[in-house]
Amino acid sequence: MGAVPDLATVREYLRVPAVQVSDADLERMRLTALTDQLMRCEWPDMETEPDTYPEALAQALLRRIQRELAARNLPLGMVGLDGAEYGPQSLPNFDALIAEHEHGFRRVVLS
């Protein structure tokens, strides 16, 4: 169990220099991904002990930010607009790695 990845950890994981993505933009992506994750996942002691953030969720959070950064300059999430053989392809909205990391922490919602 550890802490939520901070901006420096995210930048180190992504290996993106500050000249390509500003701290403000990267922090916005981090907070957005964290909010998205908190709406979908829960873990024991999440309310009382904030330092019990699971490593699997930390990895999923980094992956969410990585996908956000990769899709940043793609119009409507489309890849291959330059005349690819089969036309443009869209980025899938499902990431198996994120689902695998968050699987044990998903909130179960019944109608």
PDB file of N, CA and C in Angstrom:
ATOM      1  N   MET A   1       0.841  -1.174   0.000  1.00  0.00           N
ATOM      2  CA  MET A   1       0.000   0.000   0.000  1.00  0.00           C
ATOM      3  C   MET A   1       0.888   1.238   0.000  1.00  0.00           C
ATOM      4  N   GLY A   2       0.468   2.207  -0.734  1.00  0.00           N
ATOM      5  CA  GLY A   2       1.264   3.413  -0.824  1.00  0.00           C
ATOM      6  C   GLY A   2       0.391   4.642  -0.951  1.00  0.00           C
ATOM      7  N   ALA A   3       0.970   5.671  -1.510  1.00  0.00           N
ATOM      8  CA  ALA A   3       0.263   6.937  -1.679  1.00  0.00           C
ATOM      9  C   ALA A   3      -0.130   7.117  -3.142  1.00  0.00           C
ATOM     10  N   VAL A   4      -1.041   8.032  -3.381  1.00  0.00           N
ATOM     11  CA  VAL A   4      -1.453   8.370  -4.737  1.00  0.00           C
ATOM     12  C   VAL A   4      -0.245   8.968  -5.471  1.00  0.00           C
ATOM     13  N   PRO A   5       0.033   8.527  -6.701  1.00  0.00           N
ATOM     14  CA  PRO A   5       1.164   9.091  -7.445  1.00  0.00           C
ATOM     15  C   PRO A   5       1.033  10.609  -7.601  1.00  0.00           C
ATOM     16  N   ASP A   6       2.109  11.319  -7.275  1.00  0.00           N
ATOM     17  CA  ASP A   6       2.099  12.771  -7.412  1.00  0.00           C
ATOM     18  C   ASP A   6       2.569  13.163  -8.812  1.00  0.00           C
ATOM     19  N   LEU A   7       2.638  14.454  -9.057  1.00  0.00           N
ATOM     20  CA  LEU A   7       2.997  14.962 -10.381  1.00  0.00           C
ATOM     21  C   LEU A   7       4.387  14.507 -10.816  1.00  0.00           C
ATOM     22  N   ALA A   8       5.348  14.527  -9.918  1.00  0.00           N
ATOM     23  CA  ALA A   8       6.715  14.105 -10.260  1.00  0.00           C
ATOM     24  C   ALA A   8       6.759  12.622 -10.630  1.00  0.00           C
ATOM     25  N   THR A   9       6.011  11.803  -9.912  1.00  0.00           N
ATOM     26  CA  THR A   9       5.965  10.374 -10.214  1.00  0.00           C
ATOM     27  C   THR A   9       5.326  10.131 -11.579  1.00  0.00           C
ATOM     28  N   VAL A  10       4.268  10.869 -11.868  1.00  0.00           N
ATOM     29  CA  VAL A  10       3.590  10.737 -13.161  1.00  0.00           C
ATOM     30  C   VAL A  10       4.524  11.141 -14.293  1.00  0.00           C
ATOM     31  N   ARG A  11       5.211  12.267 -14.127  1.00  0.00           N
ATOM     32  CA  ARG A  11       6.115  12.737 -15.177  1.00  0.00           C
ATOM     33  C   ARG A  11       7.257  11.745 -15.402  1.00  0.00           C
ATOM     34  N   GLU A  12       7.770  11.169 -14.331  1.00  0.00           N
ATOM     35  CA  GLU A  12       8.846  10.180 -14.449  1.00  0.00           C
ATOM     36  C   GLU A  12       8.349   8.912 -15.145  1.00  0.00           C
ATOM     37  N   TYR A  13       7.141   8.473 -14.827  1.00  0.00           N
ATOM     38  CA  TYR A  13       6.571   7.273 -15.439  1.00  0.00           C
ATOM     39  C   TYR A  13       6.338   7.479 -16.934  1.00  0.00           C
ATOM     40  N   LEU A  14       5.795   8.638 -17.289  1.00  0.00           N
ATOM     41  CA  LEU A  14       5.474   8.920 -18.686  1.00  0.00           C
ATOM     42  C   LEU A  14       6.695   9.269 -19.518  1.00  0.00           C
ATOM     43  N   ARG A  15       7.762   9.696 -18.832  1.00  0.00           N
ATOM     44  CA  ARG A  15       8.998  10.129 -19.516  1.00  0.00           C
ATOM     45  C   ARG A  15       8.706  11.226 -20.535  1.00  0.00           C
ATOM     46  N   VAL A  16       7.956  12.199 -20.075  1.00  0.00           N
ATOM     47  CA  VAL A  16       7.622  13.334 -20.929  1.00  0.00           C
ATOM     48  C   VAL A  16       8.205  14.600 -20.298  1.00  0.00           C
ATOM     49  N   PRO A  17       9.003  15.346 -21.065  1.00  0.00           N
ATOM     50  CA  PRO A  17       9.608  16.558 -20.505  1.00  0.00           C
ATOM     51  C   PRO A  17       8.587  17.688 -20.352  1.00  0.00           C
ATOM     52  N   ALA A  18       8.929  18.638 -19.515  1.00  0.00           N
ATOM     53  CA  ALA A  18       8.033  19.758 -19.233  1.00  0.00           C
ATOM     54  C   ALA A  18       7.838  20.656 -20.450  1.00  0.00           C
ATOM     55  N   VAL A  19       8.751  20.600 -21.418  1.00  0.00           N
ATOM     56  CA  VAL A  19       8.582  21.435 -22.612  1.00  0.00           C
ATOM     57  C   VAL A  19       7.487  20.882 -23.526  1.00  0.00           C
ATOM     58  N   GLN A  20       7.166  19.587 -23.407  1.00  0.00           N
ATOM     59  CA  GLN A  20       6.098  19.005 -24.227  1.00  0.00           C
ATOM     60  C   GLN A  20       4.733  19.134 -23.572  1.00  0.00           C
ATOM     61  N   VAL A  21       4.687  18.922 -22.255  1.00  0.00           N
ATOM     62  CA  VAL A  21       3.433  19.024 -21.510  1.00  0.00           C
ATOM     63  C   VAL A  21       3.707  19.821 -20.244  1.00  0.00           C
ATOM     64  N   SER A  22       2.967  20.882 -20.064  1.00  0.00           N
ATOM     65  CA  SER A  22       3.202  21.736 -18.895  1.00  0.00           C
ATOM     66  C   SER A  22       2.748  21.024 -17.623  1.00  0.00           C
ATOM     67  N   ASP A  23       3.252  21.510 -16.501  1.00  0.00           N
ATOM     68  CA  ASP A  23       2.846  20.951 -15.208  1.00  0.00           C
ATOM     69  C   ASP A  23       1.352  21.122 -14.991  1.00  0.00           C
ATOM     70  N   ALA A  24       0.817  22.241 -15.417  1.00  0.00           N
ATOM     71  CA  ALA A  24      -0.617  22.500 -15.237  1.00  0.00           C
ATOM     72  C   ALA A  24      -1.457  21.488 -16.016  1.00  0.00           C
ATOM     73  N   ASP A  25      -1.079  21.214 -17.264  1.00  0.00           N
ATOM     74  CA  ASP A  25      -1.819  20.243 -18.069  1.00  0.00           C
ATOM     75  C   ASP A  25      -1.701  18.835 -17.501  1.00  0.00           C
ATOM     76  N   LEU A  26      -0.499  18.463 -17.097  1.00  0.00           N
ATOM     77  CA  LEU A  26      -0.289  17.121 -16.554  1.00  0.00           C
ATOM     78  C   LEU A  26      -1.011  16.953 -15.222  1.00  0.00           C
ATOM     79  N   GLU A  27      -1.028  17.987 -14.405  1.00  0.00           N
ATOM     80  CA  GLU A  27      -1.753  17.921 -13.130  1.00  0.00           C
ATOM     81  C   GLU A  27      -3.258  17.830 -13.375  1.00  0.00           C
ATOM     82  N   ARG A  28      -3.753  18.541 -14.378  1.00  0.00           N
ATOM     83  CA  ARG A  28      -5.173  18.450 -14.735  1.00  0.00           C
ATOM     84  C   ARG A  28      -5.508  17.018 -15.159  1.00  0.00           C
ATOM     85  N   MET A  29      -4.662  16.403 -15.966  1.00  0.00           N
ATOM     86  CA  MET A  29      -4.885  15.020 -16.393  1.00  0.00           C
ATOM     87  C   MET A  29      -4.834  14.064 -15.200  1.00  0.00           C
ATOM     88  N   ARG A  30      -3.917  14.310 -14.275  1.00  0.00           N
ATOM     89  CA  ARG A  30      -3.782  13.456 -13.100  1.00  0.00           C
ATOM     90  C   ARG A  30      -5.026  13.544 -12.217  1.00  0.00           C
ATOM     91  N   LEU A  31      -5.484  14.750 -11.964  1.00  0.00           N
ATOM     92  CA  LEU A  31      -6.664  14.925 -11.116  1.00  0.00           C
ATOM     93  C   LEU A  31      -7.926  14.369 -11.778  1.00  0.00           C
ATOM     94  N   THR A  32      -8.032  14.532 -13.086  1.00  0.00           N
ATOM     95  CA  THR A  32      -9.178  13.993 -13.813  1.00  0.00           C
ATOM     96  C   THR A  32      -9.196  12.472 -13.745  1.00  0.00           C
ATOM     97  N   ALA A  33      -8.048  11.851 -13.987  1.00  0.00           N
ATOM     98  CA  ALA A  33      -7.962  10.391 -13.931  1.00  0.00           C
ATOM     99  C   ALA A  33      -8.212   9.880 -12.515  1.00  0.00           C
ATOM    100  N   LEU A  34      -7.706  10.589 -11.522  1.00  0.00           N
ATOM    101  CA  LEU A  34      -7.912  10.187 -10.133  1.00  0.00           C
ATOM    102  C   LEU A  34      -9.391  10.293  -9.744  1.00  0.00           C
ATOM    103  N   THR A  35     -10.038  11.366 -10.151  1.00  0.00           N
ATOM    104  CA  THR A  35     -11.467  11.528  -9.881  1.00  0.00           C
ATOM    105  C   THR A  35     -12.269  10.421 -10.552  1.00  0.00           C
ATOM    106  N   ASP A  36     -11.929  10.128 -11.798  1.00  0.00           N
ATOM    107  CA  ASP A  36     -12.599   9.059 -12.528  1.00  0.00           C
ATOM    108  C   ASP A  36     -12.436   7.729 -11.804  1.00  0.00           C
ATOM    109  N   GLN A  37     -11.243   7.466 -11.328  1.00  0.00           N
ATOM    110  CA  GLN A  37     -10.969   6.218 -10.619  1.00  0.00           C
ATOM    111  C   GLN A  37     -11.704   6.160  -9.278  1.00  0.00           C
ATOM    112  N   LEU A  38     -11.728   7.260  -8.549  1.00  0.00           N
ATOM    113  CA  LEU A  38     -12.408   7.284  -7.255  1.00  0.00           C
ATOM    114  C   LEU A  38     -13.918   7.088  -7.385  1.00  0.00           C
ATOM    115  N   MET A  39     -14.478   7.476  -8.528  1.00  0.00           N
ATOM    116  CA  MET A  39     -15.908   7.272  -8.748  1.00  0.00           C
ATOM    117  C   MET A  39     -16.228   5.813  -9.050  1.00  0.00           C
ATOM    118  N   ARG A  40     -15.234   5.046  -9.496  1.00  0.00           N
ATOM    119  CA  ARG A  40     -15.456   3.661  -9.883  1.00  0.00           C
ATOM    120  C   ARG A  40     -14.943   2.637  -8.884  1.00  0.00           C
ATOM    121  N   CYS A  41     -13.992   3.008  -8.051  1.00  0.00           N
ATOM    122  CA  CYS A  41     -13.310   2.040  -7.195  1.00  0.00           C
ATOM    123  C   CYS A  41     -13.389   2.433  -5.723  1.00  0.00           C
ATOM    124  N   GLU A  42     -13.259   1.434  -4.875  1.00  0.00           N
ATOM    125  CA  GLU A  42     -13.139   1.663  -3.438  1.00  0.00           C
ATOM    126  C   GLU A  42     -12.263   0.568  -2.859  1.00  0.00           C
ATOM    127  N   TRP A  43     -11.656   0.842  -1.721  1.00  0.00           N
ATOM    128  CA  TRP A  43     -10.792  -0.124  -1.054  1.00  0.00           C
ATOM    129  C   TRP A  43     -10.935   0.069   0.447  1.00  0.00           C
ATOM    130  N   PRO A  44     -10.551  -0.953   1.214  1.00  0.00           N
ATOM    131  CA  PRO A  44     -10.682  -0.839   2.671  1.00  0.00           C
ATOM    132  C   PRO A  44      -9.907   0.368   3.210  1.00  0.00           C
ATOM    133  N   ASP A  45     -10.465   1.030   4.144  1.00  0.00           N
ATOM    134  CA  ASP A  45      -9.854   2.185   4.821  1.00  0.00           C
ATOM    135  C   ASP A  45      -9.605   3.370   3.898  1.00  0.00           C
ATOM    136  N   MET A  46     -10.312   3.468   2.785  1.00  0.00           N
ATOM    137  CA  MET A  46     -10.058   4.589   1.867  1.00  0.00           C
ATOM    138  C   MET A  46     -10.472   5.919   2.472  1.00  0.00           C
ATOM    139  N   GLU A  47     -11.437   5.922   3.350  1.00  0.00           N
ATOM    140  CA  GLU A  47     -11.899   7.160   3.962  1.00  0.00           C
ATOM    141  C   GLU A  47     -11.038   7.573   5.155  1.00  0.00           C
ATOM    142  N   THR A  48     -10.572   6.604   5.906  1.00  0.00           N
ATOM    143  CA  THR A  48      -9.884   6.920   7.159  1.00  0.00           C
ATOM    144  C   THR A  48      -8.371   7.014   7.033  1.00  0.00           C
ATOM    145  N   GLU A  49      -7.775   6.239   6.140  1.00  0.00           N
ATOM    146  CA  GLU A  49      -6.316   6.237   5.994  1.00  0.00           C
ATOM    147  C   GLU A  49      -5.936   6.450   4.527  1.00  0.00           C
ATOM    148  N   PRO A  50      -5.643   7.676   4.141  1.00  0.00           N
ATOM    149  CA  PRO A  50      -5.340   7.957   2.733  1.00  0.00           C
ATOM    150  C   PRO A  50      -4.033   7.328   2.239  1.00  0.00           C
ATOM    151  N   ASP A  51      -3.174   6.880   3.143  1.00  0.00           N
ATOM    152  CA  ASP A  51      -1.917   6.257   2.717  1.00  0.00           C
ATOM    153  C   ASP A  51      -2.071   4.777   2.403  1.00  0.00           C
ATOM    154  N   THR A  52      -3.293   4.283   2.336  1.00  0.00           N
ATOM    155  CA  THR A  52      -3.519   2.878   2.017  1.00  0.00           C
ATOM    156  C   THR A  52      -3.918   2.686   0.559  1.00  0.00           C
ATOM    157  N   TYR A  53      -3.483   3.567  -0.316  1.00  0.00           N
ATOM    158  CA  TYR A  53      -3.807   3.486  -1.745  1.00  0.00           C
ATOM    159  C   TYR A  53      -3.121   2.258  -2.339  1.00  0.00           C
ATOM    160  N   PRO A  54      -3.867   1.303  -2.882  1.00  0.00           N
ATOM    161  CA  PRO A  54      -3.274   0.065  -3.397  1.00  0.00           C
ATOM    162  C   PRO A  54      -2.365   0.296  -4.605  1.00  0.00           C
ATOM    163  N   GLU A  55      -1.311  -0.495  -4.698  1.00  0.00           N
ATOM    164  CA  GLU A  55      -0.356  -0.375  -5.806  1.00  0.00           C
ATOM    165  C   GLU A  55      -1.025  -0.658  -7.152  1.00  0.00           C
ATOM    166  N   ALA A  56      -1.985  -1.585  -7.171  1.00  0.00           N
ATOM    167  CA  ALA A  56      -2.682  -1.894  -8.425  1.00  0.00           C
ATOM    168  C   ALA A  56      -3.447  -0.673  -8.934  1.00  0.00           C
ATOM    169  N   LEU A  57      -4.066   0.066  -8.026  1.00  0.00           N
ATOM    170  CA  LEU A  57      -4.775   1.279  -8.432  1.00  0.00           C
ATOM    171  C   LEU A  57      -3.806   2.368  -8.863  1.00  0.00           C
ATOM    172  N   ALA A  58      -2.647   2.429  -8.227  1.00  0.00           N
ATOM    173  CA  ALA A  58      -1.633   3.410  -8.634  1.00  0.00           C
ATOM    174  C   ALA A  58      -1.182   3.125 -10.068  1.00  0.00           C
ATOM    175  N   GLN A  59      -0.981   1.853 -10.395  1.00  0.00           N
ATOM    176  CA  GLN A  59      -0.572   1.489 -11.749  1.00  0.00           C
ATOM    177  C   GLN A  59      -1.687   1.796 -12.754  1.00  0.00           C
ATOM    178  N   ALA A  60      -2.928   1.513 -12.377  1.00  0.00           N
ATOM    179  CA  ALA A  60      -4.056   1.821 -13.252  1.00  0.00           C
ATOM    180  C   ALA A  60      -4.188   3.327 -13.462  1.00  0.00           C
ATOM    181  N   LEU A  61      -3.936   4.109 -12.417  1.00  0.00           N
ATOM    182  CA  LEU A  61      -3.991   5.563 -12.537  1.00  0.00           C
ATOM    183  C   LEU A  61      -2.940   6.066 -13.521  1.00  0.00           C
ATOM    184  N   LEU A  62      -1.730   5.546 -13.411  1.00  0.00           N
ATOM    185  CA  LEU A  62      -0.677   5.943 -14.352  1.00  0.00           C
ATOM    186  C   LEU A  62      -1.058   5.571 -15.785  1.00  0.00           C
ATOM    187  N   ARG A  63      -1.677   4.425 -15.949  1.00  0.00           N
ATOM    188  CA  ARG A  63      -2.111   3.989 -17.281  1.00  0.00           C
ATOM    189  C   ARG A  63      -3.215   4.903 -17.816  1.00  0.00           C
ATOM    190  N   ARG A  64      -4.152   5.298 -16.947  1.00  0.00           N
ATOM    191  CA  ARG A  64      -5.204   6.222 -17.373  1.00  0.00           C
ATOM    192  C   ARG A  64      -4.605   7.548 -17.869  1.00  0.00           C
ATOM    193  N   ILE A  65      -3.633   8.058 -17.135  1.00  0.00           N
ATOM    194  CA  ILE A  65      -3.000   9.323 -17.526  1.00  0.00           C
ATOM    195  C   ILE A  65      -2.234   9.140 -18.830  1.00  0.00           C
ATOM    196  N   GLN A  66      -1.576   8.008 -18.987  1.00  0.00           N
ATOM    197  CA  GLN A  66      -0.834   7.719 -20.212  1.00  0.00           C
ATOM    198  C   GLN A  66      -1.774   7.694 -21.424  1.00  0.00           C
ATOM    199  N   ARG A  67      -2.936   7.085 -21.290  1.00  0.00           N
ATOM    200  CA  ARG A  67      -3.920   7.059 -22.388  1.00  0.00           C
ATOM    201  C   ARG A  67      -4.444   8.465 -22.684  1.00  0.00           C
ATOM    202  N   GLU A  68      -4.686   9.239 -21.640  1.00  0.00           N
ATOM    203  CA  GLU A  68      -5.155  10.611 -21.818  1.00  0.00           C
ATOM    204  C   GLU A  68      -4.130  11.437 -22.591  1.00  0.00           C
ATOM    205  N   LEU A  69      -2.876  11.290 -22.235  1.00  0.00           N
ATOM    206  CA  LEU A  69      -1.805  12.025 -22.904  1.00  0.00           C
ATOM    207  C   LEU A  69      -1.659  11.580 -24.355  1.00  0.00           C
ATOM    208  N   ALA A  70      -1.768  10.282 -24.608  1.00  0.00           N
ATOM    209  CA  ALA A  70      -1.628   9.762 -25.967  1.00  0.00           C
ATOM    210  C   ALA A  70      -2.759  10.238 -26.875  1.00  0.00           C
ATOM    211  N   ALA A  71      -3.956  10.383 -26.320  1.00  0.00           N
ATOM    212  CA  ALA A  71      -5.107  10.788 -27.125  1.00  0.00           C
ATOM    213  C   ALA A  71      -5.258  12.298 -27.217  1.00  0.00           C
ATOM    214  N   ARG A  72      -4.367  13.036 -26.571  1.00  0.00           N
ATOM    215  CA  ARG A  72      -4.513  14.491 -26.484  1.00  0.00           C
ATOM    216  C   ARG A  72      -4.549  15.177 -27.842  1.00  0.00           C
ATOM    217  N   ASN A  73      -3.718  14.779 -28.767  1.00  0.00           N
ATOM    218  CA  ASN A  73      -3.635  15.458 -30.065  1.00  0.00           C
ATOM    219  C   ASN A  73      -4.345  14.703 -31.181  1.00  0.00           C
ATOM    220  N   LEU A  74      -5.226  13.778 -30.829  1.00  0.00           N
ATOM    221  CA  LEU A  74      -5.951  13.017 -31.836  1.00  0.00           C
ATOM    222  C   LEU A  74      -7.374  13.542 -31.961  1.00  0.00           C
ATOM    223  N   PRO A  75      -7.766  13.996 -33.142  1.00  0.00           N
ATOM    224  CA  PRO A  75      -9.135  14.492 -33.303  1.00  0.00           C
ATOM    225  C   PRO A  75     -10.142  13.359 -33.137  1.00  0.00           C
ATOM    226  N   LEU A  76     -11.011  13.503 -32.174  1.00  0.00           N
ATOM    227  CA  LEU A  76     -12.053  12.524 -31.887  1.00  0.00           C
ATOM    228  C   LEU A  76     -11.505  11.129 -31.615  1.00  0.00           C
ATOM    229  N   GLY A  77     -10.251  11.042 -31.183  1.00  0.00           N
ATOM    230  CA  GLY A  77      -9.654   9.748 -30.875  1.00  0.00           C
ATOM    231  C   GLY A  77      -9.394   8.885 -32.092  1.00  0.00           C
ATOM    232  N   MET A  78      -9.264   9.507 -33.247  1.00  0.00           N
ATOM    233  CA  MET A  78      -9.068   8.754 -34.487  1.00  0.00           C
ATOM    234  C   MET A  78      -7.592   8.674 -34.835  1.00  0.00           C
ATOM    235  N   VAL A  79      -7.154   7.485 -35.241  1.00  0.00           N
ATOM    236  CA  VAL A  79      -5.777   7.249 -35.651  1.00  0.00           C
ATOM    237  C   VAL A  79      -5.791   6.844 -37.117  1.00  0.00           C
ATOM    238  N   GLY A  80      -4.807   7.296 -37.880  1.00  0.00           N
ATOM    239  CA  GLY A  80      -4.703   6.888 -39.278  1.00  0.00           C
ATOM    240  C   GLY A  80      -5.519   7.732 -40.226  1.00  0.00           C
ATOM    241  N   LEU A  81      -5.650   9.018 -39.940  1.00  0.00           N
ATOM    242  CA  LEU A  81      -6.424   9.906 -40.803  1.00  0.00           C
ATOM    243  C   LEU A  81      -5.671  10.277 -42.079  1.00  0.00           C
ATOM    244  N   ASP A  82      -4.419   9.865 -42.179  1.00  0.00           N
ATOM    245  CA  ASP A  82      -3.597  10.243 -43.326  1.00  0.00           C
ATOM    246  C   ASP A  82      -3.741   9.257 -44.478  1.00  0.00           C
ATOM    247  N   GLY A  83      -4.835   8.537 -44.569  1.00  0.00           N
ATOM    248  CA  GLY A  83      -5.066   7.628 -45.690  1.00  0.00           C
ATOM    249  C   GLY A  83      -4.541   6.231 -45.435  1.00  0.00           C
ATOM    250  N   ALA A  84      -4.735   5.731 -44.265  1.00  0.00           N
ATOM    251  CA  ALA A  84      -4.319   4.367 -43.960  1.00  0.00           C
ATOM    252  C   ALA A  84      -5.088   3.392 -44.842  1.00  0.00           C
ATOM    253  N   GLU A  85      -4.592   2.203 -44.954  1.00  0.00           N
ATOM    254  CA  GLU A  85      -5.149   1.216 -45.870  1.00  0.00           C
ATOM    255  C   GLU A  85      -6.637   0.953 -45.626  1.00  0.00           C
ATOM    256  N   TYR A  86      -7.021   0.849 -44.379  1.00  0.00           N
ATOM    257  CA  TYR A  86      -8.416   0.555 -44.055  1.00  0.00           C
ATOM    258  C   TYR A  86      -9.151   1.758 -43.491  1.00  0.00           C
ATOM    259  N   GLY A  87      -8.641   2.934 -43.693  1.00  0.00           N
ATOM    260  CA  GLY A  87      -9.283   4.130 -43.181  1.00  0.00           C
ATOM    261  C   GLY A  87      -8.917   4.384 -41.729  1.00  0.00           C
ATOM    262  N   PRO A  88      -9.492   5.412 -41.147  1.00  0.00           N
ATOM    263  CA  PRO A  88      -9.142   5.764 -39.768  1.00  0.00           C
ATOM    264  C   PRO A  88      -9.633   4.717 -38.769  1.00  0.00           C
ATOM    265  N   GLN A  89      -8.881   4.540 -37.741  1.00  0.00           N
ATOM    266  CA  GLN A  89      -9.235   3.636 -36.649  1.00  0.00           C
ATOM    267  C   GLN A  89      -9.453   4.477 -35.404  1.00  0.00           C
ATOM    268  N   SER A  90     -10.394   4.092 -34.585  1.00  0.00           N
ATOM    269  CA  SER A  90     -10.620   4.843 -33.353  1.00  0.00           C
ATOM    270  C   SER A  90      -9.930   4.154 -32.188  1.00  0.00           C
ATOM    271  N   LEU A  91      -9.560   4.942 -31.197  1.00  0.00           N
ATOM    272  CA  LEU A  91      -8.979   4.379 -29.987  1.00  0.00           C
ATOM    273  C   LEU A  91     -10.072   3.634 -29.228  1.00  0.00           C
ATOM    274  N   PRO A  92      -9.790   2.428 -28.767  1.00  0.00           N
ATOM    275  CA  PRO A  92     -10.821   1.712 -28.009  1.00  0.00           C
ATOM    276  C   PRO A  92     -11.068   2.389 -26.667  1.00  0.00           C
ATOM    277  N   ASN A  93     -12.306   2.355 -26.223  1.00  0.00           N
ATOM    278  CA  ASN A  93     -12.618   2.978 -24.940  1.00  0.00           C
ATOM    279  C   ASN A  93     -12.364   2.021 -23.779  1.00  0.00           C
ATOM    280  N   PHE A  94     -12.006   0.785 -24.070  1.00  0.00           N
ATOM    281  CA  PHE A  94     -11.727  -0.216 -23.046  1.00  0.00           C
ATOM    282  C   PHE A  94     -10.236  -0.523 -23.041  1.00  0.00           C
ATOM    283  N   ASP A  95      -9.613  -0.444 -21.908  1.00  0.00           N
ATOM    284  CA  ASP A  95      -8.204  -0.803 -21.760  1.00  0.00           C
ATOM    285  C   ASP A  95      -8.130  -1.995 -20.815  1.00  0.00           C
ATOM    286  N   ALA A  96      -7.687  -3.122 -21.335  1.00  0.00           N
ATOM    287  CA  ALA A  96      -7.660  -4.362 -20.547  1.00  0.00           C
ATOM    288  C   ALA A  96      -6.752  -4.252 -19.328  1.00  0.00           C
ATOM    289  N   LEU A  97      -5.662  -3.506 -19.431  1.00  0.00           N
ATOM    290  CA  LEU A  97      -4.751  -3.370 -18.297  1.00  0.00           C
ATOM    291  C   LEU A  97      -5.392  -2.575 -17.158  1.00  0.00           C
ATOM    292  N   ILE A  98      -6.097  -1.519 -17.493  1.00  0.00           N
ATOM    293  CA  ILE A  98      -6.781  -0.739 -16.467  1.00  0.00           C
ATOM    294  C   ILE A  98      -7.855  -1.599 -15.808  1.00  0.00           C
ATOM    295  N   ALA A  99      -8.628  -2.315 -16.606  1.00  0.00           N
ATOM    296  CA  ALA A  99      -9.672  -3.184 -16.055  1.00  0.00           C
ATOM    297  C   ALA A  99      -9.072  -4.253 -15.153  1.00  0.00           C
ATOM    298  N   GLU A 100      -7.946  -4.823 -15.551  1.00  0.00           N
ATOM    299  CA  GLU A 100      -7.299  -5.857 -14.739  1.00  0.00           C
ATOM    300  C   GLU A 100      -6.821  -5.301 -13.399  1.00  0.00           C
ATOM    301  N   HIS A 101      -6.203  -4.132 -13.416  1.00  0.00           N
ATOM    302  CA  HIS A 101      -5.694  -3.535 -12.175  1.00  0.00           C
ATOM    303  C   HIS A 101      -6.822  -3.110 -11.238  1.00  0.00           C
ATOM    304  N   GLU A 102      -7.920  -2.614 -11.796  1.00  0.00           N
ATOM    305  CA  GLU A 102      -9.010  -2.090 -10.975  1.00  0.00           C
ATOM    306  C   GLU A 102     -10.073  -3.135 -10.643  1.00  0.00           C
ATOM    307  N   HIS A 103      -9.966  -4.321 -11.214  1.00  0.00           N
ATOM    308  CA  HIS A 103     -11.012  -5.335 -11.076  1.00  0.00           C
ATOM    309  C   HIS A 103     -11.380  -5.630  -9.620  1.00  0.00           C
ATOM    310  N   GLY A 104     -10.421  -5.836  -8.769  1.00  0.00           N
ATOM    311  CA  GLY A 104     -10.699  -6.174  -7.389  1.00  0.00           C
ATOM    312  C   GLY A 104     -11.222  -5.030  -6.541  1.00  0.00           C
ATOM    313  N   PHE A 105     -11.190  -3.817  -7.097  1.00  0.00           N
ATOM    314  CA  PHE A 105     -11.594  -2.640  -6.316  1.00  0.00           C
ATOM    315  C   PHE A 105     -12.849  -1.964  -6.879  1.00  0.00           C
ATOM    316  N   ARG A 106     -13.447  -2.531  -7.922  1.00  0.00           N
ATOM    317  CA  ARG A 106     -14.621  -1.920  -8.546  1.00  0.00           C
ATOM    318  C   ARG A 106     -15.799  -1.869  -7.593  1.00  0.00           C
ATOM    319  N   ARG A 107     -16.523  -0.779  -7.631  1.00  0.00           N
ATOM    320  CA  ARG A 107     -17.762  -0.663  -6.870  1.00  0.00           C
ATOM    321  C   ARG A 107     -18.833  -1.474  -7.600  1.00  0.00           C
ATOM    322  N   VAL A 108     -19.578  -2.237  -6.869  1.00  0.00           N
ATOM    323  CA  VAL A 108     -20.669  -3.005  -7.462  1.00  0.00           C
ATOM    324  C   VAL A 108     -21.945  -2.202  -7.287  1.00  0.00           C
ATOM    325  N   VAL A 109     -22.583  -1.911  -8.409  1.00  0.00           N
ATOM    326  CA  VAL A 109     -23.807  -1.118  -8.379  1.00  0.00           C
ATOM    327  C   VAL A 109     -24.955  -1.998  -8.856  1.00  0.00           C
ATOM    328  N   LEU A 110     -25.954  -2.116  -8.042  1.00  0.00           N
ATOM    329  CA  LEU A 110     -27.141  -2.877  -8.397  1.00  0.00           C
ATOM    330  C   LEU A 110     -28.289  -1.912  -8.623  1.00  0.00           C
ATOM    331  N   SER A 111     -28.837  -1.966  -9.787  1.00  0.00           N
ATOM    332  CA  SER A 111     -29.923  -1.080 -10.222  1.00  0.00           C
ATOM    333  C   SER A 111     -30.274  -0.122  -9.176  1.00  0.00           C
TER     334      SER A 111
END
